Amino acid sequence: MKHSLTIALKSQSIAVERFLRVVRHRGFNLTHFQLNMDDGLYNVAMTVDSDKPIHLLTSQLNKLVDVKEVTLQNLQHQQAV
C-alpha cells in the first residue's frame, strides 16, 4: 500500500537524517520526497510504500523529538500491473 504523509520537523539537517533512518528501519520504501522550509520548520511531503501497517511508521515518527507533527494524507491501494 502507498501512504502519503506530511511531516513538520525542526529545521536541522540531523532531524531529516533521523526521520529518514526510521522510515528505512521500519521497512518502508520511499517513493516520493519533497522538502520545503516554512516558518522555521521543514515541511516534508512524502509517499511510502509497504505491506506493513502505516501506524508502525507514524507512531515511531511521532516519538522523535525533532518531529512536531505527522499527518497521514490518504491511503491508496497499489494497482496490479
Protein backbone atom coordinates (compact mmCIF):
# COMPACT_ATOMS: atom_id res chain seq x y z
CA MET A 1 0.00 0.00 0.00
CA LYS A 2 1.08 3.54 -0.70
CA HIS A 3 0.71 6.15 2.02
CA SER A 4 1.14 9.92 1.70
CA LEU A 5 2.38 11.76 4.77
CA THR A 6 3.31 15.30 5.69
CA ILE A 7 5.77 15.87 8.49
CA ALA A 8 6.74 19.11 10.23
CA LEU A 9 10.13 18.98 11.90
CA LYS A 10 12.88 21.22 13.22
CA SER A 11 14.94 22.89 10.53
CA GLN A 12 18.12 20.93 11.22
CA SER A 13 19.74 18.56 8.76
CA ILE A 14 20.22 15.96 11.51
CA ALA A 15 16.44 15.93 12.05
CA VAL A 16 15.90 14.93 8.41
CA GLU A 17 18.52 12.20 8.69
CA ARG A 18 16.91 10.81 11.86
CA PHE A 19 13.42 10.54 10.47
CA LEU A 20 14.64 9.03 7.18
CA ARG A 21 16.52 6.42 9.20
CA VAL A 22 13.27 5.50 10.98
CA VAL A 23 11.50 5.14 7.62
CA ARG A 24 14.22 2.77 6.40
CA HIS A 25 14.45 0.73 9.60
CA ARG A 26 10.67 0.22 9.71
CA GLY A 27 10.82 -1.31 6.22
CA PHE A 28 9.03 1.39 4.23
CA ASN A 29 10.20 2.28 0.71
CA LEU A 30 10.33 5.99 -0.01
CA THR A 31 8.73 6.66 -3.42
CA HIS A 32 8.35 10.46 -3.26
CA PHE A 33 10.08 13.08 -1.13
CA GLN A 34 9.68 16.88 -1.11
CA LEU A 35 11.25 19.19 1.47
CA ASN A 36 10.24 22.83 1.95
CA MET A 37 11.07 25.33 4.67
CA ASP A 38 8.28 27.44 6.16
CA ASP A 39 8.16 29.45 9.42
CA GLY A 40 11.44 27.98 10.66
CA LEU A 41 10.30 24.36 10.18
CA TYR A 42 10.98 21.80 7.49
CA ASN A 43 7.76 20.59 5.89
CA VAL A 44 8.20 17.20 4.28
CA ALA A 45 5.71 15.67 1.87
CA MET A 46 6.49 12.04 1.17
CA THR A 47 4.96 8.87 -0.15
CA VAL A 48 5.97 5.49 1.22
CA ASP A 49 5.14 2.01 0.02
CA SER A 50 4.93 -1.12 2.17
CA ASP A 51 2.69 -4.04 3.06
CA LYS A 52 3.20 -3.15 6.73
CA PRO A 53 0.57 -1.15 8.66
CA ILE A 54 1.27 2.58 8.44
CA HIS A 55 0.80 3.06 12.20
CA LEU A 56 4.13 1.26 12.72
CA LEU A 57 5.81 4.18 10.99
CA THR A 58 3.68 7.08 12.19
CA SER A 59 3.91 6.07 15.85
CA GLN A 60 7.71 5.93 15.66
CA LEU A 61 7.97 9.24 13.81
CA ASN A 62 5.81 10.93 16.45
CA LYS A 63 8.26 9.77 19.13
CA LEU A 64 11.18 11.66 17.58
CA VAL A 65 11.98 14.86 19.48
CA ASP A 66 12.60 16.81 16.26
CA VAL A 67 9.21 15.92 14.74
CA LYS A 68 6.47 18.44 15.50
CA GLU A 69 3.59 16.84 13.58
CA VAL A 70 2.86 13.82 11.38
CA THR A 71 -0.23 13.86 9.17
CA LEU A 72 -1.45 10.94 7.09
CA GLN A 73 -2.87 12.43 3.89
CA ASN A 74 -4.51 9.48 2.16
CA LEU A 75 -4.27 5.78 1.51
CA GLN A 76 -4.06 4.21 -1.93
CA HIS A 77 -4.04 0.57 -2.88
CA GLN A 78 -1.25 -0.27 -5.24
CA GLN A 79 -2.65 -1.34 -8.60
CA ALA A 80 -1.62 -4.66 -10.04
CA VAL A 81 0.27 -4.33 -13.29
